[in-house]
N, C-alpha and C. Protein backbone atom coordinates (compact mmCIF):
# COMPACT_ATOMS: atom_id res chain seq x y z
N UNK A 1 -24.04 -49.21 19.12
CA UNK A 1 -23.64 -48.86 20.48
C UNK A 1 -22.12 -48.69 20.57
N UNK A 2 -21.41 -49.64 19.96
CA UNK A 2 -19.94 -49.58 19.99
C UNK A 2 -19.44 -48.32 19.29
N UNK A 3 -20.07 -47.99 18.17
CA UNK A 3 -19.68 -46.80 17.42
C UNK A 3 -19.94 -45.54 18.24
N UNK A 4 -21.06 -45.47 18.91
CA UNK A 4 -21.39 -44.33 19.75
C UNK A 4 -20.39 -44.20 20.90
N UNK A 5 -20.04 -45.31 21.52
CA UNK A 5 -19.08 -45.31 22.61
C UNK A 5 -17.70 -44.85 22.12
N UNK A 6 -17.29 -45.33 20.96
CA UNK A 6 -16.01 -44.93 20.37
C UNK A 6 -16.01 -43.42 20.10
N UNK A 7 -17.10 -42.92 19.53
CA UNK A 7 -17.21 -41.50 19.23
C UNK A 7 -17.15 -40.67 20.51
N UNK A 8 -17.87 -41.12 21.53
CA UNK A 8 -17.90 -40.38 22.78
C UNK A 8 -16.54 -40.36 23.48
N UNK A 9 -15.79 -41.44 23.35
CA UNK A 9 -14.49 -41.51 24.02
C UNK A 9 -13.37 -40.88 23.19
N UNK A 10 -13.36 -41.13 21.90
CA UNK A 10 -12.27 -40.64 21.06
C UNK A 10 -12.42 -39.17 20.67
N UNK A 11 -13.65 -38.71 20.53
CA UNK A 11 -13.87 -37.32 20.13
C UNK A 11 -13.17 -36.32 21.04
N UNK A 12 -13.46 -36.35 22.34
CA UNK A 12 -12.77 -35.42 23.24
C UNK A 12 -11.26 -35.62 23.28
N UNK A 13 -10.80 -36.87 23.19
CA UNK A 13 -9.37 -37.15 23.22
C UNK A 13 -8.68 -36.54 22.00
N UNK A 14 -9.28 -36.71 20.84
CA UNK A 14 -8.70 -36.12 19.62
C UNK A 14 -8.72 -34.60 19.69
N UNK A 15 -9.77 -34.03 20.25
CA UNK A 15 -9.83 -32.59 20.42
C UNK A 15 -8.74 -32.08 21.34
N UNK A 16 -8.49 -32.82 22.42
CA UNK A 16 -7.43 -32.45 23.35
C UNK A 16 -6.06 -32.52 22.68
N UNK A 17 -5.83 -33.59 21.92
CA UNK A 17 -4.55 -33.72 21.22
C UNK A 17 -4.35 -32.59 20.22
N UNK A 18 -5.39 -32.21 19.51
CA UNK A 18 -5.28 -31.12 18.55
C UNK A 18 -4.98 -29.80 19.26
N UNK A 19 -5.54 -29.63 20.45
CA UNK A 19 -5.34 -28.38 21.19
C UNK A 19 -3.91 -28.21 21.67
N UNK A 20 -3.21 -29.32 21.92
CA UNK A 20 -1.85 -29.20 22.45
C UNK A 20 -0.78 -29.54 21.42
N UNK A 21 -1.16 -29.83 20.20
CA UNK A 21 -0.17 -30.18 19.19
C UNK A 21 0.60 -28.94 18.74
N UNK A 22 1.85 -29.12 18.29
CA UNK A 22 2.62 -27.97 17.81
C UNK A 22 1.93 -27.21 16.68
N UNK A 23 1.18 -27.90 15.85
CA UNK A 23 0.50 -27.24 14.74
C UNK A 23 -0.52 -26.23 15.26
N UNK A 24 -1.09 -26.49 16.46
CA UNK A 24 -2.08 -25.59 17.02
C UNK A 24 -1.43 -24.42 17.75
N UNK A 25 -0.14 -24.49 17.98
CA UNK A 25 0.55 -23.45 18.72
C UNK A 25 0.76 -22.22 17.85
N UNK A 26 0.91 -21.09 18.50
CA UNK A 26 1.22 -19.87 17.78
C UNK A 26 0.13 -18.84 17.90
N UNK A 27 0.35 -17.70 17.25
CA UNK A 27 -0.61 -16.62 17.30
C UNK A 27 -1.92 -17.05 16.63
N UNK A 28 -3.05 -16.66 17.21
CA UNK A 28 -4.36 -17.06 16.65
C UNK A 28 -4.56 -16.57 15.22
N UNK A 29 -5.33 -17.31 14.46
CA UNK A 29 -5.57 -17.04 13.03
C UNK A 29 -6.06 -15.62 12.74
N UNK A 30 -6.96 -15.03 13.55
CA UNK A 30 -7.44 -13.68 13.20
C UNK A 30 -6.34 -12.62 13.09
N UNK A 31 -5.18 -12.89 13.67
CA UNK A 31 -4.08 -11.93 13.63
C UNK A 31 -3.28 -12.01 12.33
N UNK A 32 -3.54 -13.02 11.52
CA UNK A 32 -2.91 -13.18 10.20
C UNK A 32 -1.39 -13.03 10.27
N UNK A 33 -0.78 -13.68 11.25
CA UNK A 33 0.67 -13.58 11.44
C UNK A 33 1.43 -14.32 10.35
N UNK A 34 2.59 -13.81 10.03
CA UNK A 34 3.53 -14.51 9.16
C UNK A 34 4.28 -15.50 10.03
N UNK A 35 4.13 -16.78 9.74
CA UNK A 35 4.79 -17.82 10.54
C UNK A 35 6.19 -18.06 9.97
N UNK A 36 7.19 -18.01 10.85
CA UNK A 36 8.58 -18.27 10.45
C UNK A 36 9.04 -19.53 11.18
N UNK A 37 9.24 -20.58 10.41
CA UNK A 37 9.75 -21.83 10.97
C UNK A 37 11.27 -21.76 10.96
N UNK A 38 11.93 -22.37 11.94
CA UNK A 38 13.39 -22.31 11.98
C UNK A 38 14.04 -23.18 10.90
N UNK A 39 15.17 -22.73 10.41
CA UNK A 39 15.99 -23.52 9.48
C UNK A 39 17.14 -24.12 10.28
N UNK A 40 17.69 -25.21 9.79
CA UNK A 40 18.88 -25.79 10.40
C UNK A 40 18.66 -26.72 11.56
N UNK A 41 17.41 -26.99 11.90
CA UNK A 41 17.12 -27.87 13.04
C UNK A 41 17.62 -29.28 12.75
N UNK A 42 18.04 -30.03 13.72
CA UNK A 42 17.96 -29.78 15.16
C UNK A 42 19.23 -29.16 15.75
N UNK A 43 20.30 -29.03 15.00
CA UNK A 43 21.54 -28.49 15.58
C UNK A 43 21.42 -27.00 15.89
N UNK A 44 20.75 -26.28 14.99
CA UNK A 44 20.67 -24.83 15.10
C UNK A 44 19.28 -24.42 14.63
N UNK A 45 18.62 -23.60 15.40
CA UNK A 45 17.30 -23.11 15.05
C UNK A 45 17.44 -21.64 14.65
N UNK A 46 17.46 -21.39 13.34
CA UNK A 46 17.68 -20.04 12.84
C UNK A 46 16.39 -19.47 12.25
N UNK A 47 15.96 -18.36 12.81
CA UNK A 47 14.77 -17.67 12.34
C UNK A 47 15.20 -16.48 11.49
N UNK A 48 14.79 -16.49 10.23
CA UNK A 48 15.17 -15.44 9.28
C UNK A 48 14.07 -14.39 9.24
N UNK A 49 14.38 -13.19 9.73
CA UNK A 49 13.43 -12.09 9.71
C UNK A 49 13.47 -11.29 8.42
N UNK A 50 14.41 -11.64 7.53
CA UNK A 50 14.58 -10.90 6.28
C UNK A 50 13.32 -10.72 5.46
N UNK A 51 12.61 -11.81 5.11
CA UNK A 51 11.40 -11.63 4.31
C UNK A 51 10.33 -10.77 5.00
N UNK A 52 10.18 -10.91 6.31
CA UNK A 52 9.20 -10.09 7.03
C UNK A 52 9.60 -8.62 7.02
N UNK A 53 10.89 -8.36 7.16
CA UNK A 53 11.36 -6.97 7.10
C UNK A 53 11.17 -6.37 5.71
N UNK A 54 11.42 -7.16 4.67
CA UNK A 54 11.19 -6.67 3.30
C UNK A 54 9.72 -6.31 3.11
N UNK A 55 8.85 -7.17 3.60
CA UNK A 55 7.41 -6.91 3.48
C UNK A 55 7.03 -5.66 4.29
N UNK A 56 7.58 -5.53 5.50
CA UNK A 56 7.28 -4.36 6.35
C UNK A 56 7.71 -3.07 5.66
N UNK A 57 8.88 -3.09 5.03
CA UNK A 57 9.35 -1.89 4.31
C UNK A 57 8.41 -1.57 3.14
N UNK A 58 8.05 -2.60 2.39
CA UNK A 58 7.18 -2.39 1.22
C UNK A 58 5.80 -1.87 1.62
N UNK A 59 5.30 -2.36 2.77
CA UNK A 59 3.96 -1.97 3.22
C UNK A 59 3.98 -0.82 4.24
N UNK A 60 5.19 -0.31 4.54
CA UNK A 60 5.36 0.77 5.52
C UNK A 60 4.73 0.40 6.87
N UNK A 61 5.15 -0.77 7.36
CA UNK A 61 4.63 -1.27 8.63
C UNK A 61 5.75 -1.51 9.62
N UNK A 62 5.35 -1.73 10.87
CA UNK A 62 6.25 -2.13 11.95
C UNK A 62 6.13 -3.64 12.12
N UNK A 63 7.09 -4.22 12.82
CA UNK A 63 7.03 -5.66 13.11
C UNK A 63 6.71 -5.89 14.58
N UNK A 64 5.79 -6.79 14.83
CA UNK A 64 5.49 -7.31 16.16
C UNK A 64 5.94 -8.77 16.10
N UNK A 65 7.13 -9.05 16.64
CA UNK A 65 7.74 -10.37 16.52
C UNK A 65 7.50 -11.13 17.81
N UNK A 66 6.85 -12.28 17.69
CA UNK A 66 6.49 -13.12 18.82
C UNK A 66 7.30 -14.41 18.76
N UNK A 67 8.04 -14.69 19.83
CA UNK A 67 8.76 -15.96 19.94
C UNK A 67 8.03 -16.80 20.97
N UNK A 68 7.42 -17.87 20.49
CA UNK A 68 6.69 -18.78 21.36
C UNK A 68 7.21 -20.19 21.22
N UNK A 69 6.92 -21.00 22.21
CA UNK A 69 7.32 -22.41 22.18
C UNK A 69 6.07 -23.27 22.18
N UNK A 70 6.07 -24.29 21.34
CA UNK A 70 4.89 -25.15 21.20
C UNK A 70 4.52 -25.85 22.50
N UNK A 71 5.47 -26.02 23.39
CA UNK A 71 5.22 -26.73 24.65
C UNK A 71 5.34 -25.80 25.87
N UNK A 72 5.07 -24.53 25.68
CA UNK A 72 5.20 -23.53 26.74
C UNK A 72 3.80 -23.14 27.25
N UNK A 73 3.54 -23.41 28.52
CA UNK A 73 2.24 -23.10 29.11
C UNK A 73 1.97 -21.59 29.10
N UNK A 74 2.99 -20.78 29.36
CA UNK A 74 2.79 -19.34 29.37
C UNK A 74 2.50 -18.80 27.97
N UNK A 75 3.10 -19.44 26.95
CA UNK A 75 2.81 -19.06 25.56
C UNK A 75 1.35 -19.37 25.24
N UNK A 76 0.89 -20.55 25.64
CA UNK A 76 -0.51 -20.92 25.37
C UNK A 76 -1.45 -19.95 26.07
N UNK A 77 -1.08 -19.52 27.28
CA UNK A 77 -1.92 -18.57 28.02
C UNK A 77 -2.00 -17.24 27.26
N UNK A 78 -0.87 -16.75 26.77
CA UNK A 78 -0.87 -15.50 26.02
C UNK A 78 -1.67 -15.65 24.72
N UNK A 79 -1.48 -16.75 24.02
CA UNK A 79 -2.20 -16.99 22.77
C UNK A 79 -3.71 -17.10 23.02
N UNK A 80 -4.10 -17.72 24.13
CA UNK A 80 -5.53 -17.82 24.49
C UNK A 80 -6.09 -16.42 24.79
N UNK A 81 -5.30 -15.60 25.48
CA UNK A 81 -5.70 -14.22 25.75
C UNK A 81 -5.94 -13.49 24.43
N UNK A 82 -4.99 -13.61 23.49
CA UNK A 82 -5.16 -12.95 22.20
C UNK A 82 -6.40 -13.46 21.47
N UNK A 83 -6.64 -14.76 21.52
CA UNK A 83 -7.82 -15.33 20.86
C UNK A 83 -9.11 -14.79 21.49
N UNK A 84 -9.17 -14.74 22.81
CA UNK A 84 -10.37 -14.23 23.51
C UNK A 84 -10.66 -12.77 23.17
N UNK A 85 -9.61 -12.00 22.93
CA UNK A 85 -9.77 -10.56 22.73
C UNK A 85 -9.48 -10.12 21.29
N UNK A 86 -9.58 -11.05 20.36
CA UNK A 86 -9.27 -10.73 18.96
C UNK A 86 -10.14 -9.60 18.42
N UNK A 87 -11.43 -9.58 18.78
CA UNK A 87 -12.32 -8.54 18.28
C UNK A 87 -11.86 -7.14 18.69
N UNK A 88 -11.27 -7.04 19.88
CA UNK A 88 -10.78 -5.75 20.36
C UNK A 88 -9.37 -5.44 19.86
N UNK A 89 -8.52 -6.46 19.79
CA UNK A 89 -7.10 -6.22 19.54
C UNK A 89 -6.69 -6.22 18.06
N UNK A 90 -7.28 -7.08 17.25
CA UNK A 90 -6.86 -7.13 15.84
C UNK A 90 -7.00 -5.76 15.17
N UNK A 91 -8.12 -5.04 15.36
CA UNK A 91 -8.19 -3.71 14.74
C UNK A 91 -7.09 -2.75 15.23
N UNK A 92 -6.64 -2.94 16.46
CA UNK A 92 -5.58 -2.09 16.99
C UNK A 92 -4.22 -2.41 16.35
N UNK A 93 -3.97 -3.70 16.13
CA UNK A 93 -2.73 -4.08 15.43
C UNK A 93 -2.74 -3.48 14.03
N UNK A 94 -3.89 -3.52 13.37
CA UNK A 94 -4.02 -2.97 12.01
C UNK A 94 -3.86 -1.46 12.05
N UNK A 95 -4.54 -0.80 12.98
CA UNK A 95 -4.50 0.66 13.07
C UNK A 95 -3.10 1.18 13.36
N UNK A 96 -2.34 0.42 14.12
CA UNK A 96 -0.97 0.84 14.47
C UNK A 96 0.06 0.33 13.46
N UNK A 97 -0.42 -0.24 12.36
CA UNK A 97 0.46 -0.67 11.25
C UNK A 97 1.47 -1.73 11.65
N UNK A 98 1.02 -2.77 12.33
CA UNK A 98 1.90 -3.87 12.70
C UNK A 98 1.73 -5.05 11.76
N UNK A 99 2.84 -5.62 11.37
CA UNK A 99 2.90 -6.90 10.68
C UNK A 99 3.33 -7.89 11.76
N UNK A 100 2.51 -8.87 12.05
CA UNK A 100 2.82 -9.83 13.10
C UNK A 100 3.66 -10.97 12.54
N UNK A 101 4.69 -11.32 13.28
CA UNK A 101 5.61 -12.39 12.89
C UNK A 101 5.65 -13.40 14.03
N UNK A 102 5.39 -14.65 13.71
CA UNK A 102 5.29 -15.72 14.70
C UNK A 102 6.46 -16.68 14.53
N UNK A 103 7.43 -16.60 15.45
CA UNK A 103 8.58 -17.51 15.43
C UNK A 103 8.23 -18.73 16.27
N UNK A 104 8.23 -19.91 15.64
CA UNK A 104 7.80 -21.13 16.32
C UNK A 104 8.98 -21.94 16.81
N UNK A 105 9.04 -22.14 18.13
CA UNK A 105 10.15 -22.86 18.73
C UNK A 105 9.63 -23.91 19.70
N UNK A 106 10.51 -24.38 20.57
CA UNK A 106 10.19 -25.39 21.57
C UNK A 106 11.05 -25.12 22.81
N UNK A 107 10.56 -25.51 23.97
CA UNK A 107 11.33 -25.32 25.20
C UNK A 107 12.65 -26.09 25.18
N UNK A 108 12.72 -27.12 24.36
CA UNK A 108 13.97 -27.90 24.28
C UNK A 108 15.08 -27.15 23.55
N UNK A 109 14.73 -26.07 22.85
CA UNK A 109 15.73 -25.28 22.13
C UNK A 109 16.31 -24.27 23.11
N UNK A 110 17.57 -24.45 23.42
CA UNK A 110 18.26 -23.57 24.36
C UNK A 110 18.85 -22.36 23.62
N UNK A 111 19.16 -21.33 24.37
CA UNK A 111 19.62 -20.07 23.79
C UNK A 111 20.81 -20.23 22.86
N UNK A 112 21.74 -21.11 23.19
CA UNK A 112 22.94 -21.26 22.36
C UNK A 112 22.64 -21.89 20.99
N UNK A 113 21.45 -22.48 20.83
CA UNK A 113 21.07 -23.09 19.54
C UNK A 113 20.07 -22.24 18.76
N UNK A 114 19.58 -21.16 19.36
CA UNK A 114 18.58 -20.31 18.72
C UNK A 114 19.27 -19.08 18.12
N UNK A 115 19.07 -18.87 16.83
CA UNK A 115 19.69 -17.76 16.09
C UNK A 115 18.61 -16.93 15.43
N UNK A 116 18.88 -15.63 15.33
CA UNK A 116 18.01 -14.71 14.61
C UNK A 116 18.82 -14.12 13.46
N UNK A 117 18.28 -14.24 12.24
CA UNK A 117 18.95 -13.71 11.06
C UNK A 117 18.21 -12.45 10.59
N UNK A 118 19.01 -11.40 10.40
CA UNK A 118 18.52 -10.16 9.78
C UNK A 118 19.51 -9.83 8.69
N UNK A 119 19.09 -9.98 7.45
CA UNK A 119 19.99 -9.76 6.32
C UNK A 119 21.08 -10.82 6.30
N UNK A 120 22.32 -10.37 6.24
CA UNK A 120 23.44 -11.32 6.19
C UNK A 120 23.94 -11.71 7.57
N UNK A 121 23.44 -11.06 8.60
CA UNK A 121 23.88 -11.35 9.97
C UNK A 121 22.97 -12.37 10.63
N UNK A 122 23.57 -13.43 11.14
CA UNK A 122 22.86 -14.44 11.92
C UNK A 122 23.50 -14.46 13.29
N UNK A 123 22.73 -14.06 14.30
CA UNK A 123 23.28 -13.93 15.65
C UNK A 123 22.65 -14.94 16.60
N UNK A 124 23.48 -15.53 17.48
CA UNK A 124 22.91 -16.35 18.54
C UNK A 124 22.00 -15.48 19.41
N UNK A 125 21.03 -16.10 20.03
CA UNK A 125 20.01 -15.38 20.79
C UNK A 125 20.58 -14.29 21.71
N UNK A 126 21.54 -14.64 22.57
CA UNK A 126 22.06 -13.67 23.54
C UNK A 126 22.73 -12.50 22.82
N UNK A 127 23.46 -12.78 21.77
CA UNK A 127 24.13 -11.71 21.01
C UNK A 127 23.09 -10.84 20.29
N UNK A 128 22.05 -11.46 19.76
CA UNK A 128 20.96 -10.72 19.14
C UNK A 128 20.33 -9.78 20.16
N UNK A 129 20.05 -10.30 21.35
CA UNK A 129 19.45 -9.48 22.40
C UNK A 129 20.33 -8.27 22.73
N UNK A 130 21.62 -8.52 22.89
CA UNK A 130 22.55 -7.42 23.18
C UNK A 130 22.59 -6.41 22.03
N UNK A 131 22.53 -6.91 20.79
CA UNK A 131 22.62 -6.02 19.63
C UNK A 131 21.44 -5.06 19.53
N UNK A 132 20.31 -5.42 20.12
CA UNK A 132 19.14 -4.53 20.09
C UNK A 132 18.95 -3.82 21.42
N UNK A 133 19.91 -3.99 22.34
CA UNK A 133 19.83 -3.31 23.63
C UNK A 133 18.84 -3.92 24.59
N UNK A 134 18.50 -5.18 24.39
CA UNK A 134 17.51 -5.85 25.24
C UNK A 134 18.20 -6.34 26.52
N UNK A 135 17.67 -5.96 27.66
CA UNK A 135 18.26 -6.31 28.95
C UNK A 135 18.10 -7.79 29.31
N UNK A 136 17.28 -8.51 28.57
CA UNK A 136 17.06 -9.93 28.87
C UNK A 136 18.11 -10.82 28.21
N UNK A 137 19.22 -10.27 27.77
CA UNK A 137 20.22 -11.01 27.00
C UNK A 137 20.78 -12.22 27.74
N UNK A 138 20.66 -12.25 29.04
CA UNK A 138 21.29 -13.33 29.80
C UNK A 138 20.54 -14.66 29.70
N UNK A 139 19.27 -14.65 29.31
CA UNK A 139 18.54 -15.92 29.25
C UNK A 139 17.45 -15.88 28.18
N UNK A 140 17.09 -17.06 27.72
CA UNK A 140 16.01 -17.21 26.75
C UNK A 140 14.70 -17.32 27.53
N UNK A 141 13.76 -16.45 27.21
CA UNK A 141 12.48 -16.40 27.91
C UNK A 141 11.35 -16.60 26.90
N UNK A 142 10.44 -17.48 27.24
CA UNK A 142 9.22 -17.67 26.43
C UNK A 142 8.03 -17.23 27.26
N UNK A 143 7.05 -16.57 26.68
CA UNK A 143 7.09 -15.95 25.36
C UNK A 143 7.90 -14.66 25.40
N UNK A 144 8.40 -14.29 24.24
CA UNK A 144 9.09 -13.00 24.08
C UNK A 144 8.45 -12.26 22.91
N UNK A 145 8.43 -10.95 23.03
CA UNK A 145 7.90 -10.09 21.97
C UNK A 145 8.90 -8.96 21.74
N UNK A 146 9.16 -8.67 20.48
CA UNK A 146 9.99 -7.53 20.11
C UNK A 146 9.20 -6.67 19.13
N UNK A 147 9.33 -5.37 19.27
CA UNK A 147 8.74 -4.43 18.32
C UNK A 147 9.86 -3.75 17.56
N UNK A 148 9.79 -3.84 16.23
CA UNK A 148 10.82 -3.25 15.37
C UNK A 148 10.18 -2.35 14.34
N UNK A 149 10.95 -1.37 13.90
CA UNK A 149 10.52 -0.64 12.72
C UNK A 149 10.92 -1.48 11.50
N UNK A 150 10.64 -1.00 10.32
CA UNK A 150 10.90 -1.78 9.10
C UNK A 150 12.37 -1.98 8.80
N UNK A 151 13.24 -1.28 9.55
CA UNK A 151 14.69 -1.44 9.38
C UNK A 151 15.30 -2.23 10.53
N UNK A 152 14.47 -2.93 11.28
CA UNK A 152 14.88 -3.79 12.40
C UNK A 152 15.45 -3.02 13.58
N UNK A 153 15.09 -1.75 13.70
CA UNK A 153 15.48 -0.98 14.89
C UNK A 153 14.40 -1.20 15.95
N UNK A 154 14.82 -1.54 17.18
CA UNK A 154 13.84 -1.78 18.24
C UNK A 154 13.08 -0.49 18.58
N UNK A 155 11.79 -0.63 18.83
CA UNK A 155 10.95 0.51 19.14
C UNK A 155 10.81 0.75 20.64
N UNK A 156 10.95 -0.31 21.45
CA UNK A 156 10.92 -0.16 22.90
C UNK A 156 11.35 -1.46 23.57
N UNK A 157 11.79 -1.35 24.82
CA UNK A 157 12.13 -2.53 25.63
C UNK A 157 10.83 -3.22 26.02
N UNK A 158 10.80 -4.51 25.87
CA UNK A 158 9.56 -5.25 26.09
C UNK A 158 9.65 -6.17 27.30
N UNK A 159 8.52 -6.33 28.01
CA UNK A 159 8.48 -7.36 29.05
C UNK A 159 8.39 -8.72 28.39
N UNK A 160 8.65 -9.77 29.16
CA UNK A 160 8.57 -11.14 28.61
C UNK A 160 8.24 -12.11 29.73
N UNK A 161 7.81 -13.30 29.32
CA UNK A 161 7.57 -14.37 30.28
C UNK A 161 6.18 -14.32 30.89
N UNK A 162 6.02 -15.06 31.97
CA UNK A 162 4.75 -15.17 32.65
C UNK A 162 4.24 -13.80 33.11
N UNK A 163 2.94 -13.61 33.00
CA UNK A 163 2.35 -12.35 33.43
C UNK A 163 2.42 -11.25 32.40
N UNK A 164 2.95 -11.54 31.23
CA UNK A 164 3.11 -10.55 30.18
C UNK A 164 1.76 -10.27 29.51
N UNK A 165 1.40 -9.01 29.39
CA UNK A 165 0.21 -8.60 28.63
C UNK A 165 -1.04 -9.36 29.06
N UNK A 166 -1.41 -9.28 30.30
CA UNK A 166 -2.57 -10.05 30.77
C UNK A 166 -3.89 -9.32 30.63
N UNK A 167 -3.86 -8.05 30.24
CA UNK A 167 -5.10 -7.31 30.05
C UNK A 167 -5.06 -6.60 28.71
N UNK A 168 -6.24 -6.28 28.21
CA UNK A 168 -6.34 -5.54 26.95
C UNK A 168 -5.66 -4.17 27.08
N UNK A 169 -5.89 -3.42 28.18
CA UNK A 169 -5.19 -2.13 28.29
C UNK A 169 -3.66 -2.26 28.26
N UNK A 170 -3.10 -3.31 28.88
CA UNK A 170 -1.65 -3.52 28.83
C UNK A 170 -1.18 -3.77 27.40
N UNK A 171 -1.92 -4.58 26.67
CA UNK A 171 -1.55 -4.87 25.28
C UNK A 171 -1.63 -3.60 24.44
N UNK A 172 -2.64 -2.79 24.67
CA UNK A 172 -2.79 -1.55 23.91
C UNK A 172 -1.67 -0.56 24.22
N UNK A 173 -1.22 -0.52 25.47
CA UNK A 173 -0.09 0.35 25.82
C UNK A 173 1.15 -0.05 25.02
N UNK A 174 1.36 -1.37 24.88
CA UNK A 174 2.50 -1.86 24.12
C UNK A 174 2.39 -1.42 22.65
N UNK A 175 1.21 -1.59 22.07
CA UNK A 175 1.02 -1.23 20.67
C UNK A 175 1.19 0.27 20.44
N UNK A 176 0.85 1.07 21.46
CA UNK A 176 1.04 2.52 21.35
C UNK A 176 2.44 2.95 21.76
N UNK A 177 3.29 1.98 22.11
CA UNK A 177 4.68 2.23 22.50
C UNK A 177 4.78 3.08 23.78
N UNK A 178 3.85 2.85 24.70
CA UNK A 178 3.88 3.55 25.98
C UNK A 178 4.64 2.70 26.98
N UNK A 179 5.56 3.31 27.70
CA UNK A 179 6.34 2.55 28.69
C UNK A 179 5.94 2.91 30.08
């Protein structure tokens, strides 16, 4: 009886903890994203896009770079959307030649501590945003998505934050680079 009670009480609790743990955060498994963990933490969170860009060039693909935070409710909502619609969306990511890159962060990481490295250049978030012509340079927004060609040239200005990509047609417009 005690064992049954323990199982009934702990099972759901452990499942809940696994669902909200940082390890569970990020793009869903069917998307086969390349996960990039930051270097230099906790003083500086530097995400190196170099290896992903090398792979994109070798495979003649584009990059779909996702910046999410393990403790961001809007990120979890977007990731849940992707998981629910994986059967429809994964083939579209493949057909449009995207290599997905998952940058894992936290809401506690502020813009002045977040850096993006491309080759030998490591830029603070706001400077990186300005360098690619992104109008959101004034603040760090989760989730954020950038689309790049294999040479790290931006393919289009992207929306970010709450309400981003809430339908399959909206996500498909992004993948087709429709504005």
